[in-house]
Amino acid sequence: MAERQQQPETTAITAGRDTSGALAPALWASTTWDTTDLDGTNAAAKHLHQPGFYSRYGNPTVHSFEQAIAELEGTSAALAFGSGMGAIASVVFALCSTGDHIVAQRNCYGGTLAFLDGPCKRMGIDVTYVDGRNAGEFAAAVKPGKTMLVMAETPSNPHLDVVDLAALGAIKGPYTMVDSTLATPLGQQPCAYGVSLTMHSATKGIAGHNDATLGVVAGDVDLINTIWSYAVLHGATASPFDALNGVRGIRSLGARLRQQSENTQRLAEWLSTHPAVKRVNYPGLASHPQHELAKRQMRWFGSLMSIELCGGIDEARRLLQRLTLVRSAVTLGGPDTLISHSASSTHISVDPAVKAATGINESLLRVSVGLEAFDDVRNDFAAALA
């Protein structure tokens, strides 16, 4: 009888376990381990991405988190970092040098844009921006022999644009990387489409409780080891305490994502009919321009949406002041429903002309839907919008 492939929700429960039989991973807080002698120390120092020598090189608790992510993403390896931006910076500087070229989508997280427009340009790494909604623009912008990395974010933050993963994975030559933070590994698997690397700010939906700061990249073991060789020098190391909370978050990710996706879908549909709301951005809506693409490559549509109010910044300010259950905060994927004003927070460092061109306007608000009862969240928005 052929072995049945288990569902991702089950893998989230079983992934990343050691051989001790413990149901929860052990917390290895140690920064270093002793070795037998000079030769033993030398051998340990030469190991690639192995725990049990020095925690910046590898930590057993962090390794459990990495193994769990690799299993969920269907890859042979993963590498954890101290944050999502630590992951992005380490990947870029591991793969790109002065004179190299990156293709990236323009509409994405503000921190990513700030990194590409700041440190990358200062280091002499050229960046070309494309519209990620148009599948062919990534490949068309590749400069053969010069482009080292193609970067996408899907769904994008905060407009929830969707990138065609199959088209991205078909690009030959440069490495490809997808920031899949908003989808989580249970929402989609970019590497299954031929993408080289999947990256997450695991601070968000993966850890899921607003108590861990983590980044992670998953891909082929040889590529991950190449990135690790630079990452130990870059030093954006994941804390074992945060990795422990990351594994805990993975265990409940299936239940949380299912409930949050259902709540977000219902809230998006309700807000779409409200006279104070000009537009709702959520790939689960039939009105979303890439709804059919999202249905093909996503299992769930996730917990993040954005809304554009009919008024300007004054209406946005009044809404944030009137909400009582929904909190004003900039993270996402946790148990609380949160709202933030992208132009003045997550994208504050983005050039005003770029914000205007990409629709980061003063009436745009990002909503991360949590685990509260749907009726309570809807009623809070109804009272605040009245």
Protein backbone atom coordinates (compact mmCIF):
# COMPACT_ATOMS: atom_id res chain seq x y z
CA MET A 1 0.00 0.00 0.00
CA ALA A 2 1.37 3.42 -0.98
CA GLU A 3 2.20 5.72 1.90
CA ARG A 4 -0.37 8.46 2.28
CA GLN A 5 0.93 12.02 2.33
CA GLN A 6 -0.19 13.81 5.48
CA GLN A 7 -1.85 17.19 5.39
CA PRO A 8 0.12 20.38 6.27
CA GLU A 9 -1.90 20.86 9.46
CA THR A 10 -0.64 17.47 10.64
CA THR A 11 2.94 18.26 9.63
CA ALA A 12 2.71 21.40 11.76
CA ILE A 13 2.14 19.14 14.76
CA THR A 14 4.79 16.53 13.97
CA ALA A 15 7.57 18.63 12.39
CA GLY A 16 10.82 19.59 14.09
CA ARG A 17 10.85 16.99 16.85
CA ASP A 18 14.05 15.47 18.24
CA THR A 19 14.56 11.82 19.19
CA SER A 20 14.04 12.30 22.93
CA GLY A 21 10.30 11.71 22.81
CA ALA A 22 9.56 15.11 24.34
CA LEU A 23 6.38 16.68 22.97
CA ALA A 24 7.80 20.18 23.40
CA PRO A 25 11.29 21.14 22.22
CA ALA A 26 13.95 21.67 24.86
CA LEU A 27 15.25 25.18 25.46
CA TRP A 28 19.00 25.18 24.90
CA ALA A 29 20.00 28.58 26.27
CA SER A 30 23.72 27.81 26.14
CA THR A 31 25.85 29.93 23.84
CA THR A 32 28.64 27.34 23.61
CA TRP A 33 29.53 23.66 24.17
CA ASP A 34 32.76 22.04 25.23
CA THR A 35 34.68 19.79 22.88
CA THR A 36 36.95 16.84 23.57
CA ASP A 37 40.28 18.31 22.49
CA LEU A 38 41.98 20.47 19.87
CA ASP A 39 41.03 18.13 17.04
CA GLY A 40 37.42 17.96 18.26
CA THR A 41 37.19 21.75 18.37
CA ASN A 42 38.68 21.98 14.88
CA ALA A 43 36.21 19.46 13.50
CA ALA A 44 33.25 21.25 15.11
CA ALA A 45 34.40 24.60 13.74
CA LYS A 46 34.38 23.16 10.21
CA HIS A 47 30.82 21.81 10.36
CA LEU A 48 28.21 23.60 8.27
CA HIS A 49 25.08 24.76 10.11
CA GLN A 50 25.44 22.23 12.94
CA PRO A 51 24.31 22.77 16.55
CA GLY A 52 26.45 21.87 19.54
CA PHE A 53 29.50 24.10 19.05
CA TYR A 54 28.61 27.81 19.26
CA SER A 55 25.07 29.19 19.10
CA ARG A 56 25.79 31.69 16.36
CA TYR A 57 26.74 28.69 14.21
CA GLY A 58 23.82 26.53 15.31
CA ASN A 59 21.63 25.95 18.36
CA PRO A 60 19.56 22.79 19.04
CA THR A 61 16.38 24.73 19.83
CA VAL A 62 16.79 26.93 16.77
CA HIS A 63 17.54 23.80 14.74
CA SER A 64 14.17 22.31 15.78
CA PHE A 65 12.44 25.43 14.47
CA GLU A 66 14.42 25.29 11.21
CA GLN A 67 13.57 21.62 10.69
CA ALA A 68 9.88 22.32 11.26
CA ILE A 69 9.86 25.13 8.68
CA ALA A 70 11.74 23.00 6.13
CA GLU A 71 9.18 20.20 6.53
CA LEU A 72 6.26 22.61 6.16
CA GLU A 73 7.79 24.25 3.08
CA GLY A 74 8.74 20.92 1.49
CA THR A 75 12.43 21.86 1.28
CA SER A 76 15.60 20.10 2.38
CA ALA A 77 16.75 22.83 4.76
CA ALA A 78 15.91 26.13 6.45
CA LEU A 79 17.90 28.82 8.26
CA ALA A 80 16.56 31.00 11.09
CA PHE A 81 17.45 34.62 11.84
CA GLY A 82 16.80 37.20 14.53
CA SER A 83 14.12 38.91 12.39
CA GLY A 84 12.58 38.95 8.95
CA MET A 85 14.81 41.86 7.94
CA GLY A 86 17.81 39.90 9.23
CA ALA A 87 16.82 37.12 6.84
CA ILE A 88 16.44 39.48 3.87
CA ALA A 89 19.71 41.30 4.53
CA SER A 90 21.65 38.07 5.02
CA VAL A 91 20.29 36.50 1.81
CA VAL A 92 21.01 39.59 -0.28
CA PHE A 93 24.55 40.05 1.01
CA ALA A 94 25.26 36.31 0.82
CA LEU A 95 24.31 36.17 -2.85
CA CYS A 96 25.03 39.66 -4.20
CA SER A 97 28.18 41.77 -4.52
CA THR A 98 29.05 45.22 -5.83
CA GLY A 99 28.04 45.46 -9.47
CA ASP A 100 25.33 42.81 -9.22
CA HIS A 101 21.67 43.38 -9.99
CA ILE A 102 18.41 42.61 -8.18
CA VAL A 103 14.86 42.60 -9.58
CA ALA A 104 12.20 43.35 -6.96
CA GLN A 105 8.56 44.30 -6.93
CA ARG A 106 7.77 47.89 -6.05
CA ASN A 107 4.68 47.25 -3.94
CA CYS A 108 5.99 45.45 -0.85
CA TYR A 109 6.86 45.90 2.81
CA GLY A 110 8.39 49.30 3.57
CA GLY A 111 11.41 47.85 5.40
CA THR A 112 12.34 45.81 2.33
CA LEU A 113 12.14 48.90 0.12
CA ALA A 114 14.23 50.90 2.59
CA PHE A 115 16.91 48.18 2.59
CA LEU A 116 17.02 47.93 -1.21
CA ASP A 117 17.06 51.70 -1.68
CA GLY A 118 19.55 52.30 1.15
CA PRO A 119 22.26 49.74 2.01
CA CYS A 120 22.03 47.91 -1.32
CA LYS A 121 22.54 51.02 -3.41
CA ARG A 122 25.29 52.20 -1.07
CA MET A 123 27.05 48.87 -1.61
CA GLY A 124 26.78 49.27 -5.38
CA ILE A 125 24.03 46.69 -5.90
CA ASP A 126 21.66 47.84 -8.64
CA VAL A 127 17.90 47.34 -8.15
CA THR A 128 15.17 47.35 -10.79
CA TYR A 129 11.56 47.55 -9.57
CA VAL A 130 8.64 45.93 -11.38
CA ASP A 131 4.90 45.58 -10.95
CA GLY A 132 4.53 42.17 -9.31
CA ARG A 133 0.97 41.84 -10.54
CA ASN A 134 2.23 41.47 -14.11
CA ALA A 135 3.79 38.00 -14.32
CA GLY A 136 6.14 38.77 -17.20
CA GLU A 137 7.78 41.87 -15.71
CA PHE A 138 10.12 39.94 -13.41
CA ALA A 139 11.64 37.89 -16.24
CA ALA A 140 11.76 40.88 -18.60
CA ALA A 141 13.82 42.89 -16.10
CA VAL A 142 16.47 40.17 -15.63
CA LYS A 143 19.91 41.15 -16.98
CA PRO A 144 21.66 37.92 -18.01
CA GLY A 145 24.97 37.47 -16.25
CA LYS A 146 24.30 40.37 -13.89
CA THR A 147 21.01 39.68 -12.10
CA MET A 148 21.72 37.54 -9.05
CA LEU A 149 18.37 37.67 -7.27
CA VAL A 150 14.70 38.17 -8.12
CA MET A 151 12.61 39.12 -5.07
CA ALA A 152 8.84 38.93 -4.77
CA GLU A 153 6.32 39.30 -1.96
CA THR A 154 2.97 37.54 -2.21
CA PRO A 155 0.49 38.49 -1.00
CA SER A 156 2.07 41.92 -0.75
CA ASN A 157 2.00 44.25 2.22
CA PRO A 158 -0.30 46.23 2.44
CA HIS A 159 -2.23 45.93 -0.84
CA LEU A 160 -2.46 42.12 -0.91
CA ASP A 161 -1.32 41.91 -4.53
CA VAL A 162 -0.63 38.33 -5.66
CA VAL A 163 2.43 37.23 -7.66
CA ASP A 164 2.23 34.29 -10.07
CA LEU A 165 4.50 31.73 -8.38
CA ALA A 166 4.75 29.46 -11.42
CA ALA A 167 5.94 32.33 -13.61
CA LEU A 168 8.47 33.36 -10.97
CA GLY A 169 9.74 29.80 -10.53
CA ALA A 170 10.23 29.46 -14.28
CA ILE A 171 12.84 32.24 -14.40
CA LYS A 172 16.24 30.78 -15.27
CA GLY A 173 19.59 32.21 -14.20
CA PRO A 174 19.21 34.25 -11.02
CA TYR A 175 18.03 32.92 -7.68
CA THR A 176 14.41 33.68 -6.86
CA MET A 177 13.02 34.45 -3.41
CA VAL A 178 9.45 34.94 -2.20
CA ASP A 179 8.51 36.73 1.00
CA SER A 180 5.60 34.50 2.00
CA THR A 181 5.00 36.05 5.42
CA LEU A 182 1.33 36.89 4.89
CA ALA A 183 0.47 33.43 3.59
CA THR A 184 2.52 31.35 6.08
CA PRO A 185 3.70 27.85 5.08
CA LEU A 186 0.17 26.51 5.49
CA GLY A 187 -1.17 29.04 3.00
CA GLN A 188 1.23 28.36 0.13
CA GLN A 189 4.55 26.70 -0.75
CA PRO A 190 6.52 28.87 -3.23
CA CYS A 191 9.39 26.38 -3.55
CA ALA A 192 6.93 23.80 -4.92
CA TYR A 193 6.64 26.09 -7.96
CA GLY A 194 10.39 26.14 -8.58
CA VAL A 195 11.20 29.22 -6.48
CA SER A 196 14.71 29.01 -4.96
CA LEU A 197 13.96 30.40 -1.52
CA THR A 198 10.91 31.07 0.63
CA MET A 199 11.35 33.71 3.33
CA HIS A 200 9.14 34.56 6.32
CA SER A 201 9.07 37.13 9.03
CA ALA A 202 8.17 34.38 11.50
CA THR A 203 7.49 37.13 14.05
CA LYS A 204 4.09 37.34 12.42
CA GLY A 205 1.70 34.45 11.72
CA ILE A 206 4.14 31.58 12.25
CA ALA A 207 4.99 32.41 15.88
CA GLY A 208 1.57 33.99 16.10
CA HIS A 209 1.45 35.32 19.67
CA ASN A 210 3.35 38.64 19.51
CA ASP A 211 6.11 37.24 21.72
CA ALA A 212 8.89 36.18 19.31
CA THR A 213 11.09 38.07 16.85
CA LEU A 214 12.20 35.64 14.12
CA GLY A 215 13.02 35.35 10.45
CA VAL A 216 13.54 32.21 8.40
CA VAL A 217 14.52 31.16 4.88
CA ALA A 218 13.80 27.72 3.38
CA GLY A 219 15.31 26.12 0.30
CA ASP A 220 17.77 23.55 -1.03
CA VAL A 221 20.39 22.51 1.51
CA ASP A 222 23.35 23.59 -0.64
CA LEU A 223 21.92 27.07 -1.11
CA ILE A 224 20.99 27.33 2.57
CA ASN A 225 24.56 26.35 3.53
CA THR A 226 25.91 29.06 1.24
CA ILE A 227 23.71 31.62 2.98
CA TRP A 228 24.69 30.19 6.40
CA SER A 229 28.39 30.73 5.60
CA TYR A 230 27.70 34.44 5.31
CA ALA A 231 25.00 34.58 8.02
CA VAL A 232 27.42 33.52 10.78
CA LEU A 233 29.44 36.62 9.89
CA HIS A 234 26.43 38.91 9.51
CA GLY A 235 25.32 37.80 12.98
CA ALA A 236 21.54 38.20 12.73
CA THR A 237 21.21 35.07 14.85
CA ALA A 238 17.88 33.70 16.06
CA SER A 239 17.42 33.56 19.83
CA PRO A 240 16.69 30.06 21.21
CA PHE A 241 13.94 31.61 23.35
CA ASP A 242 12.23 33.03 20.27
CA ALA A 243 12.79 29.80 18.33
CA LEU A 244 11.04 27.90 21.12
CA ASN A 245 8.05 30.21 20.81
CA GLY A 246 8.27 29.80 17.04
CA VAL A 247 7.88 26.02 17.32
CA ARG A 248 5.00 26.51 19.74
CA GLY A 249 3.33 28.80 17.23
CA ILE A 250 3.78 26.26 14.44
CA ARG A 251 1.90 23.65 16.48
CA SER A 252 -1.28 25.78 16.51
CA LEU A 253 -0.82 27.43 13.11
CA GLY A 254 -3.42 25.31 11.33
CA ALA A 255 -6.21 26.09 13.77
CA ARG A 256 -5.26 29.76 14.02
CA LEU A 257 -4.95 30.33 10.28
CA ARG A 258 -8.23 28.62 9.55
CA GLN A 259 -10.12 30.75 12.05
CA GLN A 260 -8.36 33.97 11.11
CA SER A 261 -8.91 33.40 7.39
CA GLU A 262 -12.62 32.78 7.98
CA ASN A 263 -12.92 35.92 10.12
CA THR A 264 -10.99 38.00 7.58
CA GLN A 265 -13.15 36.79 4.70
CA ARG A 266 -16.34 37.71 6.56
CA LEU A 267 -15.01 41.09 7.66
CA ALA A 268 -13.77 41.89 4.14
CA GLU A 269 -17.17 41.05 2.66
CA TRP A 270 -18.97 43.16 5.27
CA LEU A 271 -16.65 46.17 4.91
CA SER A 272 -17.00 45.98 1.11
CA THR A 273 -20.64 46.99 1.50
CA HIS A 274 -20.07 49.81 3.99
CA PRO A 275 -20.64 53.33 2.60
CA ALA A 276 -17.62 54.75 4.49
CA VAL A 277 -15.25 52.30 2.81
CA LYS A 278 -14.07 53.01 -0.72
CA ARG A 279 -12.21 49.74 -1.33
CA VAL A 280 -11.22 46.51 0.41
CA ASN A 281 -8.08 44.63 -0.61
CA TYR A 282 -8.23 40.90 0.15
CA PRO A 283 -7.45 38.03 -2.24
CA GLY A 284 -10.41 36.04 -0.92
CA LEU A 285 -12.84 38.54 -2.41
CA ALA A 286 -14.20 37.82 -5.90
CA SER A 287 -13.62 41.53 -6.62
CA HIS A 288 -9.85 41.17 -6.09
CA PRO A 289 -8.14 41.49 -9.52
CA GLN A 290 -6.11 38.30 -8.91
CA HIS A 291 -8.70 36.27 -7.05
CA GLU A 292 -8.53 33.33 -9.49
CA LEU A 293 -4.72 33.21 -9.28
CA ALA A 294 -4.91 33.31 -5.49
CA LYS A 295 -7.36 30.40 -5.52
CA ARG A 296 -4.96 28.32 -7.63
CA GLN A 297 -1.87 28.80 -5.47
CA MET A 298 -3.15 29.49 -1.95
CA ARG A 299 -4.84 27.07 0.48
CA TRP A 300 -6.10 29.92 2.67
CA PHE A 301 -6.16 33.64 1.96
CA GLY A 302 -4.72 34.68 5.32
CA SER A 303 -5.43 37.09 8.14
CA LEU A 304 -4.41 40.42 6.55
CA MET A 305 -6.50 42.84 4.57
CA SER A 306 -6.40 46.55 3.85
CA ILE A 307 -9.13 49.11 3.43
CA GLU A 308 -9.28 52.52 1.81
CA LEU A 309 -11.68 54.95 3.45
CA CYS A 310 -13.77 57.42 1.48
CA GLY A 311 -12.21 60.28 3.45
CA GLY A 312 -8.54 61.16 3.95
CA ILE A 313 -6.18 61.06 6.90
CA ASP A 314 -8.68 62.78 9.21
CA GLU A 315 -11.17 59.95 8.67
CA ALA A 316 -8.40 57.40 9.24
CA ARG A 317 -7.39 59.14 12.47
CA ARG A 318 -10.99 59.24 13.70
CA LEU A 319 -11.50 55.55 12.98
CA LEU A 320 -8.39 54.57 14.95
CA GLN A 321 -9.53 56.75 17.85
CA ARG A 322 -13.04 55.30 17.92
CA LEU A 323 -12.16 51.60 17.78
CA THR A 324 -12.15 50.02 21.23
CA LEU A 325 -11.66 46.26 20.75
CA VAL A 326 -9.45 46.57 17.67
CA ARG A 327 -6.01 47.82 18.70
CA SER A 328 -3.70 50.19 16.86
CA ALA A 329 -0.38 48.36 16.32
CA VAL A 330 1.93 47.60 13.40
CA THR A 331 2.47 43.84 13.56
CA LEU A 332 0.21 41.14 12.10
CA GLY A 333 -0.73 37.48 12.39
CA GLY A 334 -1.29 37.45 16.17
CA PRO A 335 -4.41 36.68 18.23
CA ASP A 336 -5.52 40.34 18.48
CA THR A 337 -7.20 42.22 15.66
CA LEU A 338 -4.93 45.16 14.86
CA ILE A 339 -5.13 48.19 12.60
CA SER A 340 -2.39 50.49 11.35
CA HIS A 341 -1.94 53.45 9.03
CA SER A 342 0.66 52.26 6.51
CA ALA A 343 1.75 55.66 5.18
CA SER A 344 2.77 56.88 8.63
CA SER A 345 4.15 53.61 10.05
CA THR A 346 5.32 50.58 8.07
CA HIS A 347 6.02 52.67 4.96
CA ILE A 348 7.14 55.90 6.62
CA SER A 349 10.66 55.62 5.15
CA VAL A 350 9.38 55.20 1.58
CA ASP A 351 9.78 58.19 -0.73
CA PRO A 352 6.50 60.17 -0.95
CA ALA A 353 6.47 59.92 -4.75
CA VAL A 354 6.85 56.14 -4.54
CA LYS A 355 4.07 55.93 -1.95
CA ALA A 356 1.80 57.92 -4.23
CA ALA A 357 2.67 55.76 -7.24
CA THR A 358 2.01 52.53 -5.37
CA GLY A 359 -1.21 53.59 -3.69
CA ILE A 360 0.11 54.02 -0.13
CA ASN A 361 -2.21 56.96 0.45
CA GLU A 362 -3.45 58.71 3.57
CA SER A 363 -6.78 56.86 3.61
CA LEU A 364 -5.26 53.36 3.47
CA LEU A 365 -5.45 51.26 6.64
CA ARG A 366 -4.06 47.75 7.18
CA VAL A 367 -6.11 45.32 9.27
CA SER A 368 -4.70 42.13 10.80
CA VAL A 369 -7.67 40.03 11.86
CA GLY A 370 -7.28 38.01 15.04
CA LEU A 371 -9.07 35.25 16.89
CA GLU A 372 -11.84 37.19 18.60
CA ALA A 373 -15.48 36.34 17.90
CA PHE A 374 -16.31 37.78 14.47
CA ASP A 375 -19.45 39.58 15.66
CA ASP A 376 -17.44 41.52 18.27
CA VAL A 377 -14.89 42.72 15.71
CA ARG A 378 -17.60 43.66 13.19
CA ASN A 379 -19.59 45.51 15.82
CA ASP A 380 -16.49 47.48 16.85
CA PHE A 381 -15.94 48.57 13.24
CA ALA A 382 -19.65 49.33 12.80
CA ALA A 383 -19.71 51.64 15.81
CA ALA A 384 -16.43 53.34 14.85
CA LEU A 385 -17.50 53.89 11.23
CA ALA A 386 -21.01 55.09 12.08
